Amino acid sequence: MTSKQFTALLVLSALWGGSFLFIRVAAPALGPVMLVELRVLIAGIALLIYASLSRHLPELRSRWKTFLVIGLFNSAVPFFLISTAELHLTASLAATLNAATPLFGALVAAFWLGETITPRKALGLLLGLVGVAVLVGLGPVPLTPVVLLSIGASLLATVSYGFAAVYTKVAAKGVPPLALALYSQLFAATLIAPVVPFALPTTPPSGLVVLCVLGLALFSTALAYLLYFYLIVSAGPTKATTVTYLSPAFGILWGVFLLAEPLTLGSLLGFGIILASVWLVTGQPTPRVRVEV
């Protein structure tokens, strides 16, 4: 990974870590459907304005089906699942569960692309399950049926992200990151729009909620997806999804310092085990550099 790619990864981690904070504040006030619709619609409009002003409006017609699938599985579905889960989970717990994304990305790549499940990867996947079990069992939220369902929704979101990452690498070769970010958000907004009239909030949002929606849409979605798709195209889906190494750490920090959420030993232990499992699954030995003379 180049220094430019690593910088993009670090900024993306901070932005996506912050998204769990924004969701935790805004989801109870607006509801998951309205929040996700505002998130992807505002992000899509912002990216459309940027593309128009920079005179780089990407071509749509030949790849619209690809953008539709990416918008569904990389935005609409996981955003809704996470927003629903955070009605009952802390931002830091939701962010930590999201660290399982590379594990499911590796499984999708194995079944779809035929990548070998080595003993090391198998151990990593097993360790990932242990990490999630520790996180859930010793985490800061009491285990009730609705909490368990929320945890399941968070993990299902990581499955969707993992599928979308591999699909993007396979189906979107040569597509500029701006096109992927722009049209995936607009298609996600289109897919969610028919449900919005049935899920309108009952009270007007506060100023804080409005600011969280804008932060979520403009920074944690529009800007973040430009960086994310740049990493998928330039570094590959496996390395791109390692953003979940760092984004949970930022999510935990934002939750603890800005929302006063508890930081338990079980949370740290579970997070550490999940990170170790992701390293086993996605880690690569340092490549040898060949110098030609």
C-alpha atoms as a PDB file:
ATOM      1  CA  MET A   1       0.000   0.000   0.000  1.00  0.00           C
ATOM      2  CA  THR A   2       1.423   3.378  -1.040  1.00  0.00           C
ATOM      3  CA  SER A   3       1.626   6.398   1.268  1.00  0.00           C
ATOM      4  CA  LYS A   4      -1.268   7.993  -0.633  1.00  0.00           C
ATOM      5  CA  GLN A   5      -3.400   4.890  -0.177  1.00  0.00           C
ATOM      6  CA  PHE A   6      -2.507   4.648   3.512  1.00  0.00           C
ATOM      7  CA  THR A   7      -3.444   8.302   4.072  1.00  0.00           C
ATOM      8  CA  ALA A   8      -6.767   7.698   2.337  1.00  0.00           C
ATOM      9  CA  LEU A   9      -7.289   4.632   4.537  1.00  0.00           C
ATOM     10  CA  LEU A  10      -6.605   6.601   7.727  1.00  0.00           C
ATOM     11  CA  VAL A  11      -8.937   9.477   6.804  1.00  0.00           C
ATOM     12  CA  LEU A  12     -11.617   7.013   5.717  1.00  0.00           C
ATOM     13  CA  SER A  13     -11.318   5.176   9.034  1.00  0.00           C
ATOM     14  CA  ALA A  14     -11.927   8.381  10.984  1.00  0.00           C
ATOM     15  CA  LEU A  15     -14.900   9.312   8.790  1.00  0.00           C
ATOM     16  CA  TRP A  16     -16.522   5.886   8.989  1.00  0.00           C
ATOM     17  CA  GLY A  17     -15.806   5.617  12.696  1.00  0.00           C
ATOM     18  CA  GLY A  18     -17.715   8.874  13.101  1.00  0.00           C
ATOM     19  CA  SER A  19     -20.687   7.533  11.138  1.00  0.00           C
ATOM     20  CA  PHE A  20     -21.675   5.276  14.044  1.00  0.00           C
ATOM     21  CA  LEU A  21     -21.795   8.328  16.317  1.00  0.00           C
ATOM     22  CA  PHE A  22     -24.005  10.240  13.868  1.00  0.00           C
ATOM     23  CA  ILE A  23     -26.318   7.254  13.437  1.00  0.00           C
ATOM     24  CA  ARG A  24     -26.651   6.694  17.186  1.00  0.00           C
ATOM     25  CA  VAL A  25     -27.886  10.272  17.624  1.00  0.00           C
ATOM     26  CA  ALA A  26     -30.078  10.586  14.525  1.00  0.00           C
ATOM     27  CA  ALA A  27     -31.647   7.130  14.113  1.00  0.00           C
ATOM     28  CA  PRO A  28     -33.917   7.274  17.202  1.00  0.00           C
ATOM     29  CA  ALA A  29     -35.210  10.697  16.123  1.00  0.00           C
ATOM     30  CA  LEU A  30     -35.786  10.056  12.419  1.00  0.00           C
ATOM     31  CA  GLY A  31     -36.105   6.284  12.194  1.00  0.00           C
ATOM     32  CA  PRO A  32     -33.787   4.068  10.118  1.00  0.00           C
ATOM     33  CA  VAL A  33     -35.602   4.468   6.779  1.00  0.00           C
ATOM     34  CA  MET A  34     -35.721   8.276   6.777  1.00  0.00           C
ATOM     35  CA  LEU A  35     -32.171   8.544   8.075  1.00  0.00           C
ATOM     36  CA  VAL A  36     -30.776   6.268   5.366  1.00  0.00           C
ATOM     37  CA  GLU A  37     -32.777   8.037   2.646  1.00  0.00           C
ATOM     38  CA  LEU A  38     -31.475  11.447   3.741  1.00  0.00           C
ATOM     39  CA  ARG A  39     -27.962  10.060   4.046  1.00  0.00           C
ATOM     40  CA  VAL A  40     -27.717   8.633   0.540  1.00  0.00           C
ATOM     41  CA  LEU A  41     -29.795  11.343  -1.152  1.00  0.00           C
ATOM     42  CA  ILE A  42     -27.795  14.246   0.275  1.00  0.00           C
ATOM     43  CA  ALA A  43     -24.544  12.404  -0.416  1.00  0.00           C
ATOM     44  CA  GLY A  44     -25.622  11.671  -3.993  1.00  0.00           C
ATOM     45  CA  ILE A  45     -26.639  15.282  -4.634  1.00  0.00           C
ATOM     46  CA  ALA A  46     -23.348  16.550  -3.162  1.00  0.00           C
ATOM     47  CA  LEU A  47     -21.358  14.193  -5.389  1.00  0.00           C
ATOM     48  CA  LEU A  48     -23.461  15.180  -8.414  1.00  0.00           C
ATOM     49  CA  ILE A  49     -22.727  18.876  -7.777  1.00  0.00           C
ATOM     50  CA  TYR A  50     -19.028  18.090  -7.371  1.00  0.00           C
ATOM     51  CA  ALA A  51     -18.957  16.077 -10.611  1.00  0.00           C
ATOM     52  CA  SER A  52     -20.786  18.832 -12.502  1.00  0.00           C
ATOM     53  CA  LEU A  53     -18.574  21.632 -11.215  1.00  0.00           C
ATOM     54  CA  SER A  54     -15.425  19.668 -11.978  1.00  0.00           C
ATOM     55  CA  ARG A  55     -16.811  18.770 -15.422  1.00  0.00           C
ATOM     56  CA  HIS A  56     -16.234  15.085 -14.769  1.00  0.00           C
ATOM     57  CA  LEU A  57     -19.802  13.798 -14.789  1.00  0.00           C
ATOM     58  CA  PRO A  58     -19.337  10.023 -15.262  1.00  0.00           C
ATOM     59  CA  GLU A  59     -21.138   7.991 -17.921  1.00  0.00           C
ATOM     60  CA  LEU A  60     -24.108   6.049 -16.565  1.00  0.00           C
ATOM     61  CA  ARG A  61     -25.993   4.139 -19.259  1.00  0.00           C
ATOM     62  CA  SER A  62     -23.598   1.264 -19.954  1.00  0.00           C
ATOM     63  CA  ARG A  63     -23.009   0.377 -16.271  1.00  0.00           C
ATOM     64  CA  TRP A  64     -26.287   1.280 -14.584  1.00  0.00           C
ATOM     65  CA  LYS A  65     -27.003  -2.301 -13.476  1.00  0.00           C
ATOM     66  CA  THR A  66     -23.602  -2.484 -11.782  1.00  0.00           C
ATOM     67  CA  PHE A  67     -24.247   0.776  -9.952  1.00  0.00           C
ATOM     68  CA  LEU A  68     -27.681  -0.495  -8.925  1.00  0.00           C
ATOM     69  CA  VAL A  69     -26.261  -3.650  -7.342  1.00  0.00           C
ATOM     70  CA  ILE A  70     -23.506  -1.721  -5.563  1.00  0.00           C
ATOM     71  CA  GLY A  71     -26.000   0.861  -4.331  1.00  0.00           C
ATOM     72  CA  LEU A  72     -28.191  -1.915  -2.933  1.00  0.00           C
ATOM     73  CA  PHE A  73     -25.569  -4.047  -1.199  1.00  0.00           C
ATOM     74  CA  ASN A  74     -22.975  -1.425  -0.286  1.00  0.00           C
ATOM     75  CA  SER A  75     -25.347   1.321   0.856  1.00  0.00           C
ATOM     76  CA  ALA A  76     -29.091   0.715   1.094  1.00  0.00           C
ATOM     77  CA  VAL A  77     -29.051  -2.688   2.816  1.00  0.00           C
ATOM     78  CA  PRO A  78     -26.124  -2.267   5.264  1.00  0.00           C
ATOM     79  CA  PHE A  79     -27.025   1.335   6.112  1.00  0.00           C
ATOM     80  CA  PHE A  80     -30.565   0.280   7.021  1.00  0.00           C
ATOM     81  CA  LEU A  81     -29.381  -2.708   9.042  1.00  0.00           C
ATOM     82  CA  ILE A  82     -26.834  -0.677  11.021  1.00  0.00           C
ATOM     83  CA  SER A  83     -29.263   2.206  11.609  1.00  0.00           C
ATOM     84  CA  THR A  84     -31.858  -0.254  12.873  1.00  0.00           C
ATOM     85  CA  ALA A  85     -29.311  -2.003  15.078  1.00  0.00           C
ATOM     86  CA  GLU A  86     -28.169   1.264  16.652  1.00  0.00           C
ATOM     87  CA  LEU A  87     -31.622   1.873  18.022  1.00  0.00           C
ATOM     88  CA  HIS A  88     -30.579  -0.687  20.655  1.00  0.00           C
ATOM     89  CA  LEU A  89     -26.756  -0.845  20.494  1.00  0.00           C
ATOM     90  CA  THR A  90     -24.121   1.675  21.469  1.00  0.00           C
ATOM     91  CA  ALA A  91     -22.152   3.365  18.691  1.00  0.00           C
ATOM     92  CA  SER A  92     -18.928   1.762  19.903  1.00  0.00           C
ATOM     93  CA  LEU A  93     -20.421  -1.763  19.920  1.00  0.00           C
ATOM     94  CA  ALA A  94     -21.872  -1.320  16.423  1.00  0.00           C
ATOM     95  CA  ALA A  95     -18.526  -0.027  15.172  1.00  0.00           C
ATOM     96  CA  THR A  96     -16.679  -2.970  16.686  1.00  0.00           C
ATOM     97  CA  LEU A  97     -19.046  -5.536  15.152  1.00  0.00           C
ATOM     98  CA  ASN A  98     -18.391  -3.882  11.796  1.00  0.00           C
ATOM     99  CA  ALA A  99     -14.769  -5.059  12.100  1.00  0.00           C
ATOM    100  CA  ALA A 100     -15.973  -8.467  10.881  1.00  0.00           C
ATOM    101  CA  THR A 101     -16.394  -7.116   7.330  1.00  0.00           C
ATOM    102  CA  PRO A 102     -13.023  -8.416   5.992  1.00  0.00           C
ATOM    103  CA  LEU A 103     -13.843 -11.895   7.286  1.00  0.00           C
ATOM    104  CA  PHE A 104     -16.996 -12.085   5.202  1.00  0.00           C
ATOM    105  CA  GLY A 105     -15.209 -10.422   2.296  1.00  0.00           C
ATOM    106  CA  ALA A 106     -12.666 -13.246   2.388  1.00  0.00           C
ATOM    107  CA  LEU A 107     -15.443 -15.864   2.459  1.00  0.00           C
ATOM    108  CA  VAL A 108     -17.201 -14.278  -0.508  1.00  0.00           C
ATOM    109  CA  ALA A 109     -13.894 -14.111  -2.405  1.00  0.00           C
ATOM    110  CA  ALA A 110     -13.279 -17.792  -1.624  1.00  0.00           C
ATOM    111  CA  PHE A 111     -16.639 -18.976  -2.952  1.00  0.00           C
ATOM    112  CA  TRP A 112     -16.901 -16.506  -5.830  1.00  0.00           C
ATOM    113  CA  LEU A 113     -13.320 -16.025  -6.998  1.00  0.00           C
ATOM    114  CA  GLY A 114     -12.001 -19.403  -5.911  1.00  0.00           C
ATOM    115  CA  GLU A 115      -9.488 -17.971  -3.453  1.00  0.00           C
ATOM    116  CA  THR A 116      -8.094 -20.756  -1.282  1.00  0.00           C
ATOM    117  CA  ILE A 117      -9.114 -21.026   2.377  1.00  0.00           C
ATOM    118  CA  THR A 118      -5.700 -21.802   3.847  1.00  0.00           C
ATOM    119  CA  PRO A 119      -5.280 -23.198   7.371  1.00  0.00           C
ATOM    120  CA  ARG A 120      -4.278 -19.701   8.454  1.00  0.00           C
ATOM    121  CA  LYS A 121      -7.468 -18.195   7.018  1.00  0.00           C
ATOM    122  CA  ALA A 122      -9.580 -20.966   8.536  1.00  0.00           C
ATOM    123  CA  LEU A 123      -8.037 -20.265  11.938  1.00  0.00           C
ATOM    124  CA  GLY A 124      -8.695 -16.562  11.454  1.00  0.00           C
ATOM    125  CA  LEU A 125     -12.358 -17.139  10.597  1.00  0.00           C
ATOM    126  CA  LEU A 126     -12.801 -19.348  13.660  1.00  0.00           C
ATOM    127  CA  LEU A 127     -11.054 -16.780  15.835  1.00  0.00           C
ATOM    128  CA  GLY A 128     -13.364 -14.113  14.433  1.00  0.00           C
ATOM    129  CA  LEU A 129     -16.380 -16.034  15.692  1.00  0.00           C
ATOM    130  CA  VAL A 130     -14.736 -16.276  19.104  1.00  0.00           C
ATOM    131  CA  GLY A 131     -14.102 -12.525  19.088  1.00  0.00           C
ATOM    132  CA  VAL A 132     -17.721 -11.748  18.280  1.00  0.00           C
ATOM    133  CA  ALA A 133     -18.872 -14.139  21.025  1.00  0.00           C
ATOM    134  CA  VAL A 134     -16.578 -12.464  23.577  1.00  0.00           C
ATOM    135  CA  LEU A 135     -17.687  -9.004  22.451  1.00  0.00           C
ATOM    136  CA  VAL A 136     -21.352  -9.915  22.712  1.00  0.00           C
ATOM    137  CA  GLY A 137     -21.071 -11.841  25.958  1.00  0.00           C
ATOM    138  CA  LEU A 138     -18.860  -9.355  27.807  1.00  0.00           C
ATOM    139  CA  GLY A 139     -19.897  -6.153  26.046  1.00  0.00           C
ATOM    140  CA  PRO A 140     -21.541  -3.075  27.583  1.00  0.00           C
ATOM    141  CA  VAL A 141     -25.130  -3.908  26.520  1.00  0.00           C
ATOM    142  CA  PRO A 142     -27.300  -6.427  28.431  1.00  0.00           C
ATOM    143  CA  LEU A 143     -28.260  -9.360  26.231  1.00  0.00           C
ATOM    144  CA  THR A 144     -31.971  -9.255  25.501  1.00  0.00           C
ATOM    145  CA  PRO A 145     -33.792 -10.731  22.493  1.00  0.00           C
ATOM    146  CA  VAL A 146     -33.946  -7.337  20.768  1.00  0.00           C
ATOM    147  CA  VAL A 147     -30.243  -6.726  21.412  1.00  0.00           C
ATOM    148  CA  LEU A 148     -29.366 -10.129  19.953  1.00  0.00           C
ATOM    149  CA  LEU A 149     -31.451  -9.333  16.870  1.00  0.00           C
ATOM    150  CA  SER A 150     -29.662  -5.987  16.598  1.00  0.00           C
ATOM    151  CA  ILE A 151     -26.287  -7.714  16.790  1.00  0.00           C
ATOM    152  CA  GLY A 152     -27.435 -10.090  14.065  1.00  0.00           C
ATOM    153  CA  ALA A 153     -28.455  -7.127  11.915  1.00  0.00           C
ATOM    154  CA  SER A 154     -25.020  -5.550  12.387  1.00  0.00           C
ATOM    155  CA  LEU A 155     -23.288  -8.769  11.360  1.00  0.00           C
ATOM    156  CA  LEU A 156     -25.593  -9.181   8.368  1.00  0.00           C
ATOM    157  CA  ALA A 157     -24.557  -5.690   7.293  1.00  0.00           C
ATOM    158  CA  THR A 158     -20.923  -6.830   7.251  1.00  0.00           C
ATOM    159  CA  VAL A 159     -21.922  -9.757   4.998  1.00  0.00           C
ATOM    160  CA  SER A 160     -23.489  -7.256   2.605  1.00  0.00           C
ATOM    161  CA  TYR A 161     -20.364  -5.085   2.669  1.00  0.00           C
ATOM    162  CA  GLY A 162     -18.157  -8.103   2.011  1.00  0.00           C
ATOM    163  CA  PHE A 163     -20.240  -9.161  -0.994  1.00  0.00           C
ATOM    164  CA  ALA A 164     -20.310  -5.606  -2.368  1.00  0.00           C
ATOM    165  CA  ALA A 165     -16.523  -5.227  -2.109  1.00  0.00           C
ATOM    166  CA  VAL A 166     -15.842  -8.359  -4.143  1.00  0.00           C
ATOM    167  CA  TYR A 167     -18.628  -7.561  -6.629  1.00  0.00           C
ATOM    168  CA  THR A 168     -17.205  -4.074  -7.154  1.00  0.00           C
ATOM    169  CA  LYS A 169     -13.751  -5.465  -7.905  1.00  0.00           C
ATOM    170  CA  VAL A 170     -15.186  -8.001 -10.372  1.00  0.00           C
ATOM    171  CA  ALA A 171     -17.927  -6.010 -12.098  1.00  0.00           C
ATOM    172  CA  ALA A 172     -16.614  -2.451 -11.961  1.00  0.00           C
ATOM    173  CA  LYS A 173     -13.162  -2.796 -13.484  1.00  0.00           C
ATOM    174  CA  GLY A 174     -12.065   0.490 -15.006  1.00  0.00           C
ATOM    175  CA  VAL A 175     -14.946   2.474 -13.492  1.00  0.00           C
ATOM    176  CA  PRO A 176     -13.751   5.738 -11.863  1.00  0.00           C
ATOM    177  CA  PRO A 177     -14.240   6.002  -8.089  1.00  0.00           C
ATOM    178  CA  LEU A 178     -16.395   9.122  -8.577  1.00  0.00           C
ATOM    179  CA  ALA A 179     -18.835   7.168 -10.742  1.00  0.00           C
ATOM    180  CA  LEU A 180     -19.050   4.354  -8.194  1.00  0.00           C
ATOM    181  CA  ALA A 181     -19.625   6.741  -5.291  1.00  0.00           C
ATOM    182  CA  LEU A 182     -22.067   9.026  -7.131  1.00  0.00           C
ATOM    183  CA  TYR A 183     -24.347   6.539  -8.837  1.00  0.00           C
ATOM    184  CA  SER A 184     -24.366   3.980  -6.020  1.00  0.00           C
ATOM    185  CA  GLN A 185     -25.754   6.642  -3.668  1.00  0.00           C
ATOM    186  CA  LEU A 186     -28.350   7.895  -6.168  1.00  0.00           C
ATOM    187  CA  PHE A 187     -29.526   4.344  -6.879  1.00  0.00           C
ATOM    188  CA  ALA A 188     -29.651   3.600  -3.143  1.00  0.00           C
ATOM    189  CA  ALA A 189     -31.834   6.680  -2.644  1.00  0.00           C
ATOM    190  CA  THR A 190     -34.105   5.554  -5.494  1.00  0.00           C
ATOM    191  CA  LEU A 191     -34.488   2.070  -4.008  1.00  0.00           C
ATOM    192  CA  ILE A 192     -35.390   3.376  -0.542  1.00  0.00           C
ATOM    193  CA  ALA A 193     -37.685   6.236  -1.667  1.00  0.00           C
ATOM    194  CA  PRO A 194     -40.899   4.143  -2.086  1.00  0.00           C
ATOM    195  CA  VAL A 195     -40.761   3.135   1.589  1.00  0.00           C
ATOM    196  CA  VAL A 196     -40.216   6.656   2.972  1.00  0.00           C
ATOM    197  CA  PRO A 197     -43.918   7.737   3.046  1.00  0.00           C
ATOM    198  CA  PHE A 198     -44.621   4.826   5.392  1.00  0.00           C
ATOM    199  CA  ALA A 199     -41.783   5.703   7.792  1.00  0.00           C
ATOM    200  CA  LEU A 200     -41.995   9.457   8.360  1.00  0.00           C
ATOM    201  CA  PRO A 201     -40.860  10.771  11.789  1.00  0.00           C
ATOM    202  CA  THR A 202     -43.613  11.964  14.103  1.00  0.00           C
ATOM    203  CA  THR A 203     -41.759  15.022  15.422  1.00  0.00           C
ATOM    204  CA  PRO A 204     -39.464  17.607  13.775  1.00  0.00           C
ATOM    205  CA  PRO A 205     -35.737  16.870  14.239  1.00  0.00           C
ATOM    206  CA  SER A 206     -33.607  18.953  16.583  1.00  0.00           C
ATOM    207  CA  GLY A 207     -30.674  21.068  15.432  1.00  0.00           C
ATOM    208  CA  LEU A 208     -28.259  18.410  16.686  1.00  0.00           C
ATOM    209  CA  VAL A 209     -30.008  15.719  14.644  1.00  0.00           C
ATOM    210  CA  VAL A 210     -29.842  17.900  11.525  1.00  0.00           C
ATOM    211  CA  LEU A 211     -26.108  18.433  12.024  1.00  0.00           C
ATOM    212  CA  CYS A 212     -25.598  14.687  12.490  1.00  0.00           C
ATOM    213  CA  VAL A 213     -27.477  13.956   9.268  1.00  0.00           C
ATOM    214  CA  LEU A 214     -25.347  16.471   7.354  1.00  0.00           C
ATOM    215  CA  GLY A 215     -22.141  15.099   8.859  1.00  0.00           C
ATOM    216  CA  LEU A 216     -23.221  11.553   8.064  1.00  0.00           C
ATOM    217  CA  ALA A 217     -24.170  12.374   4.479  1.00  0.00           C
ATOM    218  CA  LEU A 218     -21.399  14.774   3.460  1.00  0.00           C
ATOM    219  CA  PHE A 219     -18.390  13.478   5.369  1.00  0.00           C
ATOM    220  CA  SER A 220     -19.094   9.865   6.371  1.00  0.00           C
ATOM    221  CA  THR A 221     -20.770   9.000   3.046  1.00  0.00           C
ATOM    222  CA  ALA A 222     -19.975  11.318   0.102  1.00  0.00           C
ATOM    223  CA  LEU A 223     -16.329  11.961   0.939  1.00  0.00           C
ATOM    224  CA  ALA A 224     -15.852   8.555   2.548  1.00  0.00           C
ATOM    225  CA  TYR A 225     -17.098   6.624  -0.478  1.00  0.00           C
ATOM    226  CA  LEU A 226     -14.857   8.559  -2.824  1.00  0.00           C
ATOM    227  CA  LEU A 227     -11.945   7.377  -0.683  1.00  0.00           C
ATOM    228  CA  TYR A 228     -13.315   3.831  -0.308  1.00  0.00           C
ATOM    229  CA  PHE A 229     -13.871   3.189  -3.999  1.00  0.00           C
ATOM    230  CA  TYR A 230     -10.486   4.735  -4.741  1.00  0.00           C
ATOM    231  CA  LEU A 231      -8.949   2.127  -2.425  1.00  0.00           C
ATOM    232  CA  ILE A 232     -10.942  -0.754  -3.956  1.00  0.00           C
ATOM    233  CA  VAL A 233      -9.854   0.238  -7.462  1.00  0.00           C
ATOM    234  CA  SER A 234      -6.216   1.000  -6.610  1.00  0.00           C
ATOM    235  CA  ALA A 235      -5.437  -1.429  -3.776  1.00  0.00           C
ATOM    236  CA  GLY A 236      -8.043  -4.194  -4.144  1.00  0.00           C
ATOM    237  CA  PRO A 237     -11.117  -5.208  -2.095  1.00  0.00           C
ATOM    238  CA  THR A 238      -9.239  -7.095   0.614  1.00  0.00           C
ATOM    239  CA  LYS A 239      -6.972  -4.189   1.480  1.00  0.00           C
ATOM    240  CA  ALA A 240      -9.819  -1.700   1.128  1.00  0.00           C
ATOM    241  CA  THR A 241     -11.991  -3.545   3.646  1.00  0.00           C
ATOM    242  CA  THR A 242      -9.150  -3.411   6.175  1.00  0.00           C
ATOM    243  CA  VAL A 243     -10.526   0.051   6.900  1.00  0.00           C
ATOM    244  CA  THR A 244     -12.417  -1.918   9.536  1.00  0.00           C
ATOM    245  CA  TYR A 245      -9.124  -2.407  11.365  1.00  0.00           C
ATOM    246  CA  LEU A 246      -9.132   1.283  12.220  1.00  0.00           C
ATOM    247  CA  SER A 247     -12.692   2.604  11.930  1.00  0.00           C
ATOM    248  CA  PRO A 248     -13.922   0.680  15.017  1.00  0.00           C
ATOM    249  CA  ALA A 249     -11.129   2.267  17.040  1.00  0.00           C
ATOM    250  CA  PHE A 250     -12.332   5.702  15.954  1.00  0.00           C
ATOM    251  CA  GLY A 251     -15.929   4.634  16.549  1.00  0.00           C
ATOM    252  CA  ILE A 252     -15.065   3.594  20.093  1.00  0.00           C
ATOM    253  CA  LEU A 253     -13.206   6.856  20.736  1.00  0.00           C
ATOM    254  CA  TRP A 254     -16.060   9.013  19.408  1.00  0.00           C
ATOM    255  CA  GLY A 255     -18.609   7.023  21.419  1.00  0.00           C
ATOM    256  CA  VAL A 256     -16.637   7.153  24.674  1.00  0.00           C
ATOM    257  CA  PHE A 257     -15.609  10.812  24.526  1.00  0.00           C
ATOM    258  CA  LEU A 258     -18.629  12.380  22.811  1.00  0.00           C
ATOM    259  CA  LEU A 259     -21.509  10.146  23.958  1.00  0.00           C
ATOM    260  CA  ALA A 260     -20.026   9.026  27.295  1.00  0.00           C
ATOM    261  CA  GLU A 261     -20.521   5.369  26.359  1.00  0.00           C
ATOM    262  CA  PRO A 262     -18.941   2.762  28.648  1.00  0.00           C
ATOM    263  CA  LEU A 263     -15.653   1.154  27.646  1.00  0.00           C
ATOM    264  CA  THR A 264     -15.502  -2.331  29.126  1.00  0.00           C
ATOM    265  CA  LEU A 265     -12.693  -4.854  29.299  1.00  0.00           C
ATOM    266  CA  GLY A 266     -14.885  -7.277  27.340  1.00  0.00           C
ATOM    267  CA  SER A 267     -15.230  -4.741  24.522  1.00  0.00           C
ATOM    268  CA  LEU A 268     -11.473  -4.277  24.280  1.00  0.00           C
ATOM    269  CA  LEU A 269     -10.819  -8.019  24.469  1.00  0.00           C
ATOM    270  CA  GLY A 270     -13.421  -8.847  21.828  1.00  0.00           C
ATOM    271  CA  PHE A 271     -12.137  -6.075  19.562  1.00  0.00           C
ATOM    272  CA  GLY A 272      -8.576  -7.332  19.938  1.00  0.00           C
ATOM    273  CA  ILE A 273      -9.560 -10.909  19.065  1.00  0.00           C
ATOM    274  CA  ILE A 274     -11.503  -9.756  16.002  1.00  0.00           C
ATOM    275  CA  LEU A 275      -8.553  -7.680  14.802  1.00  0.00           C
ATOM    276  CA  ALA A 276      -6.240 -10.671  15.251  1.00  0.00           C
ATOM    277  CA  SER A 277      -8.638 -12.826  13.233  1.00  0.00           C
ATOM    278  CA  VAL A 278      -8.822 -10.249  10.448  1.00  0.00           C
ATOM    279  CA  TRP A 279      -5.015 -10.102  10.336  1.00  0.00           C
ATOM    280  CA  LEU A 280      -4.878 -13.886   9.975  1.00  0.00           C
ATOM    281  CA  VAL A 281      -7.434 -13.822   7.160  1.00  0.00           C
ATOM    282  CA  THR A 282      -6.217 -10.816   5.197  1.00  0.00           C
ATOM    283  CA  GLY A 283      -2.611 -10.304   6.287  1.00  0.00           C
ATOM    284  CA  GLN A 284       0.030 -10.721   3.627  1.00  0.00           C
ATOM    285  CA  PRO A 285       3.753 -11.280   4.084  1.00  0.00           C
ATOM    286  CA  THR A 286       5.960  -8.334   3.210  1.00  0.00           C
ATOM    287  CA  PRO A 287       6.598  -8.520  -0.542  1.00  0.00           C
ATOM    288  CA  ARG A 288      10.111  -8.802  -1.816  1.00  0.00           C
ATOM    289  CA  VAL A 289      11.288  -5.874  -3.850  1.00  0.00           C
ATOM    290  CA  ARG A 290      13.161  -6.788  -7.003  1.00  0.00           C
ATOM    291  CA  VAL A 291      15.648  -4.208  -8.245  1.00  0.00           C
ATOM    292  CA  GLU A 292      16.460  -4.345 -11.935  1.00  0.00           C
ATOM    293  CA  VAL A 293      19.830  -3.040 -13.047  1.00  0.00           C
END
